[in-house]
Amino acid sequence: MRCVLKWALLVVVLATGAAGVFVGPRIYRLCIIGTGYIAKQMCSCVFVAERDFTACRRDMPIDMARVHAALLEHGSGIRAWLPAVVERTAHYTSSTGCTLDD
């Protein structure tokens, strides 16, 4: 009986690892897209539409609530991030509006 439990545990661990290998890169790419979306939309809302930061944040999709956002220190852009995963920044200039950094 104990041997069967060890094999079952091994199968579960291997299946979880295999799923992580195949699904992990896709989830990471989606995180990059999501943080970029929040940075760009928040930047446009705050600097182009000249709305309040908290009002703009409330307008973001509810399923993006885990993405953090903050004004840059020098006040010309937005930083959006998922802790320990990815970070994106959008800067505002009067000539081009808001653009994402690479």
N, C-alpha and C. Protein backbone atom coordinates (compact mmCIF):
# COMPACT_ATOMS: atom_id res chain seq x y z
N MET A 1 0.83 -1.19 0.00
CA MET A 1 0.00 0.00 0.00
C MET A 1 0.87 1.25 0.00
N ARG A 2 1.93 1.22 0.80
CA ARG A 2 2.81 2.38 0.90
C ARG A 2 3.50 2.65 -0.44
N CYS A 3 3.84 1.61 -1.17
CA CYS A 3 4.48 1.74 -2.47
C CYS A 3 3.55 2.41 -3.48
N VAL A 4 2.27 2.07 -3.41
CA VAL A 4 1.28 2.66 -4.30
C VAL A 4 1.16 4.16 -4.04
N LEU A 5 1.19 4.57 -2.78
CA LEU A 5 1.11 6.00 -2.44
C LEU A 5 2.32 6.75 -2.95
N LYS A 6 3.50 6.14 -2.86
CA LYS A 6 4.71 6.78 -3.37
C LYS A 6 4.63 6.98 -4.87
N TRP A 7 4.13 5.97 -5.59
CA TRP A 7 3.99 6.09 -7.04
C TRP A 7 2.94 7.13 -7.40
N ALA A 8 1.88 7.16 -6.66
CA ALA A 8 0.84 8.16 -6.93
C ALA A 8 1.37 9.57 -6.71
N LEU A 9 2.13 9.75 -5.65
CA LEU A 9 2.73 11.06 -5.37
C LEU A 9 3.72 11.43 -6.47
N LEU A 10 4.52 10.48 -6.92
CA LEU A 10 5.47 10.73 -8.00
C LEU A 10 4.76 11.15 -9.28
N VAL A 11 3.67 10.48 -9.61
CA VAL A 11 2.89 10.83 -10.80
C VAL A 11 2.33 12.25 -10.68
N VAL A 12 1.82 12.60 -9.53
CA VAL A 12 1.27 13.95 -9.32
C VAL A 12 2.36 15.00 -9.46
N VAL A 13 3.51 14.76 -8.87
CA VAL A 13 4.62 15.71 -8.95
C VAL A 13 5.09 15.87 -10.39
N LEU A 14 5.24 14.78 -11.11
CA LEU A 14 5.68 14.84 -12.50
C LEU A 14 4.65 15.53 -13.39
N ALA A 15 3.38 15.25 -13.17
CA ALA A 15 2.32 15.90 -13.96
C ALA A 15 2.29 17.40 -13.70
N THR A 16 2.45 17.79 -12.44
CA THR A 16 2.47 19.21 -12.10
C THR A 16 3.68 19.89 -12.74
N GLY A 17 4.82 19.26 -12.69
CA GLY A 17 6.03 19.81 -13.31
C GLY A 17 5.88 19.95 -14.81
N ALA A 18 5.32 18.95 -15.45
CA ALA A 18 5.11 19.00 -16.90
C ALA A 18 4.13 20.10 -17.27
N ALA A 19 3.09 20.25 -16.50
CA ALA A 19 2.11 21.31 -16.77
C ALA A 19 2.78 22.68 -16.62
N GLY A 20 3.63 22.83 -15.62
CA GLY A 20 4.34 24.10 -15.42
C GLY A 20 5.25 24.44 -16.58
N VAL A 21 5.91 23.43 -17.14
CA VAL A 21 6.81 23.66 -18.27
C VAL A 21 6.03 24.14 -19.49
N PHE A 22 4.85 23.59 -19.72
CA PHE A 22 4.09 23.96 -20.90
C PHE A 22 3.24 25.21 -20.70
N VAL A 23 2.71 25.41 -19.52
CA VAL A 23 1.81 26.52 -19.26
C VAL A 23 2.55 27.76 -18.74
N GLY A 24 3.67 27.57 -18.04
CA GLY A 24 4.40 28.67 -17.44
C GLY A 24 4.78 29.79 -18.40
N PRO A 25 5.40 29.48 -19.55
CA PRO A 25 5.77 30.55 -20.48
C PRO A 25 4.57 31.35 -20.99
N ARG A 26 3.46 30.69 -21.22
CA ARG A 26 2.25 31.39 -21.68
C ARG A 26 1.73 32.32 -20.60
N ILE A 27 1.72 31.86 -19.37
CA ILE A 27 1.26 32.71 -18.27
C ILE A 27 2.18 33.91 -18.12
N TYR A 28 3.48 33.72 -18.26
CA TYR A 28 4.43 34.83 -18.16
C TYR A 28 4.17 35.87 -19.26
N ARG A 29 3.94 35.40 -20.49
CA ARG A 29 3.64 36.33 -21.59
C ARG A 29 2.36 37.11 -21.32
N LEU A 30 1.36 36.46 -20.76
CA LEU A 30 0.12 37.15 -20.42
C LEU A 30 0.35 38.18 -19.32
N CYS A 31 1.25 37.90 -18.39
CA CYS A 31 1.59 38.86 -17.34
C CYS A 31 2.26 40.09 -17.94
N ILE A 32 3.13 39.89 -18.92
CA ILE A 32 3.78 41.00 -19.59
C ILE A 32 2.74 41.87 -20.31
N ILE A 33 1.81 41.23 -20.99
CA ILE A 33 0.76 41.97 -21.70
C ILE A 33 -0.12 42.73 -20.72
N GLY A 34 -0.52 42.09 -19.63
CA GLY A 34 -1.41 42.72 -18.65
C GLY A 34 -0.79 43.92 -17.97
N THR A 35 0.47 43.81 -17.57
CA THR A 35 1.12 44.94 -16.91
C THR A 35 1.35 46.08 -17.90
N GLY A 36 1.66 45.74 -19.14
CA GLY A 36 1.80 46.78 -20.17
C GLY A 36 0.49 47.49 -20.43
N TYR A 37 -0.59 46.74 -20.45
CA TYR A 37 -1.91 47.33 -20.65
C TYR A 37 -2.23 48.33 -19.54
N ILE A 38 -2.03 47.92 -18.29
CA ILE A 38 -2.32 48.80 -17.16
C ILE A 38 -1.43 50.04 -17.20
N ALA A 39 -0.14 49.87 -17.46
CA ALA A 39 0.77 51.03 -17.51
C ALA A 39 0.34 52.01 -18.58
N LYS A 40 0.05 51.54 -19.77
CA LYS A 40 -0.32 52.42 -20.89
C LYS A 40 -1.68 53.07 -20.65
N GLN A 41 -2.67 52.31 -20.23
CA GLN A 41 -4.00 52.86 -20.02
C GLN A 41 -4.02 53.87 -18.88
N MET A 42 -3.33 53.54 -17.79
CA MET A 42 -3.26 54.47 -16.66
C MET A 42 -2.53 55.74 -17.06
N CYS A 43 -1.46 55.61 -17.81
CA CYS A 43 -0.70 56.78 -18.26
C CYS A 43 -1.59 57.69 -19.12
N SER A 44 -2.28 57.10 -20.06
CA SER A 44 -3.16 57.89 -20.93
C SER A 44 -4.28 58.54 -20.13
N CYS A 45 -4.82 57.82 -19.19
CA CYS A 45 -5.91 58.34 -18.37
C CYS A 45 -5.44 59.52 -17.51
N VAL A 46 -4.29 59.38 -16.88
CA VAL A 46 -3.79 60.41 -15.96
C VAL A 46 -3.23 61.61 -16.72
N PHE A 47 -2.39 61.37 -17.72
CA PHE A 47 -1.66 62.47 -18.35
C PHE A 47 -2.34 63.04 -19.60
N VAL A 48 -3.01 62.22 -20.38
CA VAL A 48 -3.67 62.71 -21.59
C VAL A 48 -5.07 63.21 -21.25
N ALA A 49 -5.85 62.37 -20.55
CA ALA A 49 -7.20 62.78 -20.17
C ALA A 49 -7.23 63.67 -18.94
N GLU A 50 -6.09 63.79 -18.25
CA GLU A 50 -5.94 64.63 -17.06
C GLU A 50 -6.95 64.30 -15.96
N ARG A 51 -7.09 62.99 -15.70
CA ARG A 51 -7.98 62.53 -14.64
C ARG A 51 -7.16 62.16 -13.41
N ASP A 52 -7.85 62.01 -12.29
CA ASP A 52 -7.21 61.63 -11.03
C ASP A 52 -6.75 60.17 -11.10
N PHE A 53 -5.60 59.88 -10.48
CA PHE A 53 -5.02 58.54 -10.51
C PHE A 53 -5.99 57.50 -9.96
N THR A 54 -6.61 57.78 -8.82
CA THR A 54 -7.51 56.78 -8.21
C THR A 54 -8.76 56.57 -9.06
N ALA A 55 -9.25 57.61 -9.71
CA ALA A 55 -10.41 57.44 -10.60
C ALA A 55 -10.03 56.58 -11.80
N CYS A 56 -8.84 56.79 -12.33
CA CYS A 56 -8.37 55.98 -13.46
C CYS A 56 -8.21 54.52 -13.05
N ARG A 57 -7.68 54.31 -11.87
CA ARG A 57 -7.46 52.93 -11.39
C ARG A 57 -8.79 52.19 -11.26
N ARG A 58 -9.81 52.89 -10.81
CA ARG A 58 -11.14 52.25 -10.69
C ARG A 58 -11.70 51.86 -12.04
N ASP A 59 -11.28 52.53 -13.11
CA ASP A 59 -11.78 52.23 -14.45
C ASP A 59 -11.11 51.02 -15.09
N MET A 60 -10.04 50.54 -14.50
CA MET A 60 -9.33 49.39 -15.06
C MET A 60 -10.14 48.11 -14.81
N PRO A 61 -10.00 47.11 -15.70
CA PRO A 61 -10.76 45.87 -15.55
C PRO A 61 -10.53 45.21 -14.19
N ILE A 62 -11.58 44.67 -13.63
CA ILE A 62 -11.53 44.06 -12.30
C ILE A 62 -10.58 42.85 -12.29
N ASP A 63 -10.46 42.14 -13.41
CA ASP A 63 -9.57 40.99 -13.43
C ASP A 63 -8.09 41.39 -13.49
N MET A 64 -7.82 42.69 -13.56
CA MET A 64 -6.45 43.20 -13.51
C MET A 64 -6.13 43.79 -12.13
N ALA A 65 -6.92 43.47 -11.14
CA ALA A 65 -6.75 44.06 -9.80
C ALA A 65 -5.44 43.67 -9.14
N ARG A 66 -4.85 42.54 -9.53
CA ARG A 66 -3.58 42.12 -8.92
C ARG A 66 -2.38 42.87 -9.47
N VAL A 67 -2.59 43.58 -10.57
CA VAL A 67 -1.50 44.39 -11.15
C VAL A 67 -1.43 45.70 -10.37
N HIS A 68 -0.28 45.97 -9.76
CA HIS A 68 -0.08 47.20 -9.01
C HIS A 68 0.31 48.30 -9.97
N ALA A 69 -0.04 49.54 -9.63
CA ALA A 69 0.33 50.69 -10.46
C ALA A 69 0.68 51.86 -9.56
N ALA A 70 1.62 52.68 -10.03
CA ALA A 70 2.04 53.85 -9.27
C ALA A 70 2.60 54.90 -10.23
N LEU A 71 2.46 56.16 -9.83
CA LEU A 71 3.08 57.24 -10.59
C LEU A 71 4.59 57.15 -10.43
N LEU A 72 5.31 57.47 -11.47
CA LEU A 72 6.77 57.52 -11.37
C LEU A 72 7.16 58.69 -10.50
N GLU A 73 8.32 58.60 -9.88
CA GLU A 73 8.78 59.63 -8.95
C GLU A 73 8.83 61.01 -9.57
N HIS A 74 9.32 61.09 -10.79
CA HIS A 74 9.42 62.41 -11.43
C HIS A 74 8.11 62.84 -12.07
N GLY A 75 7.08 62.02 -11.96
CA GLY A 75 5.72 62.40 -12.35
C GLY A 75 5.43 62.45 -13.84
N SER A 76 6.16 61.73 -14.65
CA SER A 76 5.88 61.76 -16.09
C SER A 76 5.56 60.38 -16.65
N GLY A 77 5.03 59.52 -15.82
CA GLY A 77 4.69 58.19 -16.30
C GLY A 77 4.10 57.32 -15.22
N ILE A 78 3.81 56.09 -15.61
CA ILE A 78 3.19 55.10 -14.71
C ILE A 78 4.03 53.83 -14.74
N ARG A 79 4.22 53.26 -13.57
CA ARG A 79 4.88 51.96 -13.42
C ARG A 79 3.82 50.96 -13.00
N ALA A 80 3.73 49.85 -13.72
CA ALA A 80 2.79 48.78 -13.37
C ALA A 80 3.59 47.50 -13.18
N TRP A 81 3.22 46.68 -12.19
CA TRP A 81 3.99 45.48 -11.91
C TRP A 81 3.16 44.42 -11.22
N LEU A 82 3.61 43.20 -11.40
CA LEU A 82 3.15 42.05 -10.62
C LEU A 82 4.34 41.68 -9.75
N PRO A 83 4.20 41.73 -8.44
CA PRO A 83 5.35 41.49 -7.55
C PRO A 83 6.09 40.19 -7.88
N ALA A 84 7.39 40.31 -8.00
CA ALA A 84 8.30 39.19 -8.25
C ALA A 84 8.07 38.50 -9.59
N VAL A 85 7.32 39.14 -10.51
CA VAL A 85 7.07 38.52 -11.81
C VAL A 85 7.54 39.43 -12.94
N VAL A 86 6.91 40.58 -13.11
CA VAL A 86 7.22 41.45 -14.24
C VAL A 86 6.86 42.90 -13.91
N GLU A 87 7.52 43.83 -14.58
CA GLU A 87 7.27 45.26 -14.40
C GLU A 87 7.31 45.94 -15.76
N ARG A 88 6.37 46.85 -16.00
CA ARG A 88 6.35 47.64 -17.24
C ARG A 88 6.16 49.10 -16.88
N THR A 89 6.68 50.00 -17.72
CA THR A 89 6.60 51.42 -17.48
C THR A 89 6.14 52.12 -18.75
N ALA A 90 5.25 53.10 -18.59
CA ALA A 90 4.81 53.95 -19.69
C ALA A 90 5.17 55.38 -19.34
N HIS A 91 5.81 56.07 -20.29
CA HIS A 91 6.21 57.46 -20.08
C HIS A 91 5.36 58.39 -20.95
N TYR A 92 5.11 59.58 -20.43
CA TYR A 92 4.34 60.59 -21.16
C TYR A 92 5.26 61.69 -21.66
N THR A 93 5.09 62.03 -22.93
CA THR A 93 5.71 63.23 -23.51
C THR A 93 4.62 63.96 -24.28
N SER A 94 4.72 65.27 -24.34
CA SER A 94 3.68 66.06 -25.00
C SER A 94 3.62 65.77 -26.51
N SER A 95 4.74 65.37 -27.08
CA SER A 95 4.75 65.14 -28.54
C SER A 95 4.19 63.78 -28.95
N THR A 96 4.40 62.76 -28.12
CA THR A 96 3.96 61.40 -28.51
C THR A 96 2.89 60.82 -27.59
N GLY A 97 2.56 61.48 -26.53
CA GLY A 97 1.61 60.92 -25.56
C GLY A 97 2.29 59.87 -24.71
N CYS A 98 1.57 58.82 -24.39
CA CYS A 98 2.11 57.76 -23.55
C CYS A 98 2.63 56.61 -24.40
N THR A 99 3.85 56.19 -24.10
CA THR A 99 4.45 55.06 -24.80
C THR A 99 5.07 54.12 -23.78
N LEU A 100 4.98 52.82 -24.07
CA LEU A 100 5.58 51.80 -23.22
C LEU A 100 7.05 51.71 -23.47
N ASP A 101 7.83 51.52 -22.39
CA ASP A 101 9.25 51.23 -22.53
C ASP A 101 9.41 49.79 -22.97
N ASP A 102 10.53 49.49 -23.58
CA ASP A 102 10.81 48.10 -24.00
C ASP A 102 11.14 47.23 -22.85
